[in-house]
Amino acid sequence: MLLLGIRDSTFNYETLIMNLGNFTIKAAEAFQQAQQLAFNAQNPNIETEHILKALLEQEDSP
């Protein structure tokens, strides 16, 4: 499972629990890498930039 911090205008922060079993292997790997990138940057939230960087760093990324 992956915890995503979401910033919303009506809520301060919410935690969304995602079951990575619902994703393809490559998508799940990208989310796990994005989580690691956010953690390494000491960011409690997985931002769009983390996901984009994780996708672009995949070996078979176009």
N, C-alpha and C. Protein backbone atom coordinates (compact mmCIF):
# COMPACT_ATOMS: atom_id res chain seq x y z
N MET A 1 0.83 -1.18 0.00
CA MET A 1 0.00 0.00 0.00
C MET A 1 0.87 1.24 0.00
N LEU A 2 0.34 2.30 -0.55
CA LEU A 2 1.05 3.55 -0.67
C LEU A 2 0.21 4.65 -0.06
N LEU A 3 0.81 5.47 0.76
CA LEU A 3 0.11 6.60 1.35
C LEU A 3 0.44 7.86 0.56
N LEU A 4 -0.58 8.55 0.12
CA LEU A 4 -0.37 9.80 -0.60
C LEU A 4 -0.93 10.94 0.22
N GLY A 5 -0.15 11.98 0.41
CA GLY A 5 -0.66 13.18 1.06
C GLY A 5 -1.28 14.06 0.00
N ILE A 6 -2.50 14.50 0.24
CA ILE A 6 -3.22 15.31 -0.75
C ILE A 6 -3.53 16.67 -0.15
N ARG A 7 -3.19 17.70 -0.87
CA ARG A 7 -3.52 19.05 -0.44
C ARG A 7 -4.81 19.44 -1.14
N ASP A 8 -5.80 19.84 -0.38
CA ASP A 8 -7.12 20.17 -0.91
C ASP A 8 -7.56 21.49 -0.32
N SER A 9 -8.32 22.27 -1.09
CA SER A 9 -8.75 23.58 -0.62
C SER A 9 -9.74 23.49 0.54
N THR A 10 -10.49 22.40 0.64
CA THR A 10 -11.47 22.27 1.72
C THR A 10 -10.91 21.56 2.93
N PHE A 11 -9.83 20.81 2.76
CA PHE A 11 -9.20 20.10 3.87
C PHE A 11 -7.75 20.54 3.94
N ASN A 12 -7.18 20.54 5.13
CA ASN A 12 -5.75 20.86 5.24
C ASN A 12 -4.93 19.78 4.56
N TYR A 13 -5.01 18.56 5.07
CA TYR A 13 -4.33 17.42 4.44
C TYR A 13 -5.19 16.18 4.67
N GLU A 14 -5.21 15.33 3.69
CA GLU A 14 -5.87 14.03 3.81
C GLU A 14 -4.85 12.98 3.41
N THR A 15 -5.04 11.80 3.89
CA THR A 15 -4.19 10.69 3.48
C THR A 15 -5.03 9.73 2.67
N LEU A 16 -4.54 9.43 1.49
CA LEU A 16 -5.21 8.50 0.59
C LEU A 16 -4.37 7.23 0.55
N ILE A 17 -5.00 6.12 0.84
CA ILE A 17 -4.29 4.84 0.81
C ILE A 17 -4.61 4.18 -0.53
N MET A 18 -3.56 3.89 -1.27
CA MET A 18 -3.73 3.28 -2.58
C MET A 18 -3.26 1.83 -2.53
N ASN A 19 -4.04 0.95 -3.11
CA ASN A 19 -3.65 -0.44 -3.24
C ASN A 19 -2.92 -0.58 -4.57
N LEU A 20 -1.60 -0.76 -4.49
CA LEU A 20 -0.81 -0.82 -5.71
C LEU A 20 -1.10 -2.07 -6.53
N GLY A 21 -1.82 -3.02 -5.97
CA GLY A 21 -2.22 -4.21 -6.72
C GLY A 21 -3.19 -3.90 -7.84
N ASN A 22 -3.79 -2.71 -7.81
CA ASN A 22 -4.73 -2.31 -8.86
C ASN A 22 -4.03 -1.67 -10.06
N PHE A 23 -2.71 -1.52 -9.99
CA PHE A 23 -1.96 -0.87 -11.06
C PHE A 23 -1.13 -1.90 -11.82
N THR A 24 -0.69 -1.51 -13.00
CA THR A 24 0.26 -2.37 -13.72
C THR A 24 1.57 -2.39 -12.93
N ILE A 25 2.42 -3.32 -13.23
CA ILE A 25 3.70 -3.42 -12.53
C ILE A 25 4.51 -2.14 -12.71
N LYS A 26 4.57 -1.64 -13.93
CA LYS A 26 5.35 -0.42 -14.20
C LYS A 26 4.77 0.80 -13.48
N ALA A 27 3.45 0.91 -13.43
CA ALA A 27 2.82 2.04 -12.73
C ALA A 27 3.09 1.94 -11.23
N ALA A 28 3.00 0.75 -10.67
CA ALA A 28 3.27 0.56 -9.24
C ALA A 28 4.72 0.89 -8.93
N GLU A 29 5.64 0.47 -9.80
CA GLU A 29 7.05 0.79 -9.61
C GLU A 29 7.28 2.31 -9.65
N ALA A 30 6.60 2.99 -10.55
CA ALA A 30 6.74 4.44 -10.66
C ALA A 30 6.24 5.13 -9.39
N PHE A 31 5.12 4.68 -8.85
CA PHE A 31 4.61 5.28 -7.62
C PHE A 31 5.53 5.00 -6.44
N GLN A 32 6.09 3.80 -6.39
CA GLN A 32 7.03 3.49 -5.32
C GLN A 32 8.29 4.35 -5.43
N GLN A 33 8.77 4.56 -6.66
CA GLN A 33 9.94 5.41 -6.88
C GLN A 33 9.61 6.86 -6.52
N ALA A 34 8.40 7.32 -6.87
CA ALA A 34 7.99 8.69 -6.53
C ALA A 34 7.94 8.87 -5.02
N GLN A 35 7.47 7.85 -4.32
CA GLN A 35 7.43 7.90 -2.86
C GLN A 35 8.85 8.02 -2.30
N GLN A 36 9.78 7.26 -2.87
CA GLN A 36 11.17 7.32 -2.42
C GLN A 36 11.80 8.67 -2.71
N LEU A 37 11.50 9.24 -3.88
CA LEU A 37 12.01 10.56 -4.22
C LEU A 37 11.51 11.62 -3.24
N ALA A 38 10.24 11.56 -2.90
CA ALA A 38 9.66 12.50 -1.95
C ALA A 38 10.31 12.33 -0.58
N PHE A 39 10.48 11.08 -0.16
CA PHE A 39 11.11 10.80 1.14
C PHE A 39 12.53 11.33 1.17
N ASN A 40 13.30 11.09 0.12
CA ASN A 40 14.69 11.55 0.06
C ASN A 40 14.78 13.07 0.11
N ALA A 41 13.76 13.75 -0.42
CA ALA A 41 13.73 15.22 -0.40
C ALA A 41 13.10 15.75 0.88
N GLN A 42 12.82 14.85 1.82
CA GLN A 42 12.18 15.19 3.09
C GLN A 42 10.84 15.90 2.87
N ASN A 43 10.13 15.45 1.86
CA ASN A 43 8.81 16.00 1.54
C ASN A 43 7.77 14.96 1.98
N PRO A 44 6.84 15.33 2.86
CA PRO A 44 5.85 14.35 3.31
C PRO A 44 4.80 14.02 2.25
N ASN A 45 4.77 14.78 1.18
CA ASN A 45 3.78 14.57 0.12
C ASN A 45 4.45 14.12 -1.16
N ILE A 46 3.77 13.24 -1.87
CA ILE A 46 4.23 12.87 -3.21
C ILE A 46 3.60 13.88 -4.16
N GLU A 47 4.44 14.69 -4.76
CA GLU A 47 3.98 15.75 -5.65
C GLU A 47 4.03 15.26 -7.10
N THR A 48 3.40 16.01 -7.97
CA THR A 48 3.39 15.69 -9.39
C THR A 48 4.80 15.54 -9.94
N GLU A 49 5.70 16.39 -9.48
CA GLU A 49 7.08 16.36 -9.95
C GLU A 49 7.76 15.03 -9.61
N HIS A 50 7.45 14.48 -8.43
CA HIS A 50 8.03 13.20 -8.05
C HIS A 50 7.55 12.09 -8.98
N ILE A 51 6.27 12.12 -9.31
CA ILE A 51 5.71 11.09 -10.20
C ILE A 51 6.30 11.23 -11.59
N LEU A 52 6.39 12.46 -12.10
CA LEU A 52 6.95 12.69 -13.43
C LEU A 52 8.39 12.22 -13.49
N LYS A 53 9.19 12.59 -12.50
CA LYS A 53 10.59 12.18 -12.49
C LYS A 53 10.72 10.66 -12.44
N ALA A 54 9.89 10.01 -11.62
CA ALA A 54 9.92 8.56 -11.53
C ALA A 54 9.58 7.91 -12.86
N LEU A 55 8.58 8.45 -13.56
CA LEU A 55 8.20 7.91 -14.87
C LEU A 55 9.30 8.09 -15.88
N LEU A 56 9.93 9.26 -15.88
CA LEU A 56 11.00 9.52 -16.86
C LEU A 56 12.26 8.71 -16.58
N GLU A 57 12.48 8.31 -15.32
CA GLU A 57 13.67 7.55 -14.97
C GLU A 57 13.51 6.05 -15.18
N GLN A 58 12.30 5.60 -15.53
CA GLN A 58 12.13 4.17 -15.79
C GLN A 58 12.97 3.77 -16.99
N GLU A 59 13.52 2.57 -16.93
CA GLU A 59 14.43 2.10 -17.98
C GLU A 59 13.83 2.13 -19.36
N ASP A 60 12.59 1.72 -19.52
CA ASP A 60 11.98 1.67 -20.83
C ASP A 60 11.08 2.86 -21.11
N SER A 61 11.35 3.97 -20.42
CA SER A 61 10.58 5.20 -20.64
C SER A 61 10.92 5.78 -22.01
N PRO A 62 9.92 6.26 -22.75
CA PRO A 62 10.23 6.81 -24.08
C PRO A 62 11.00 8.11 -23.99
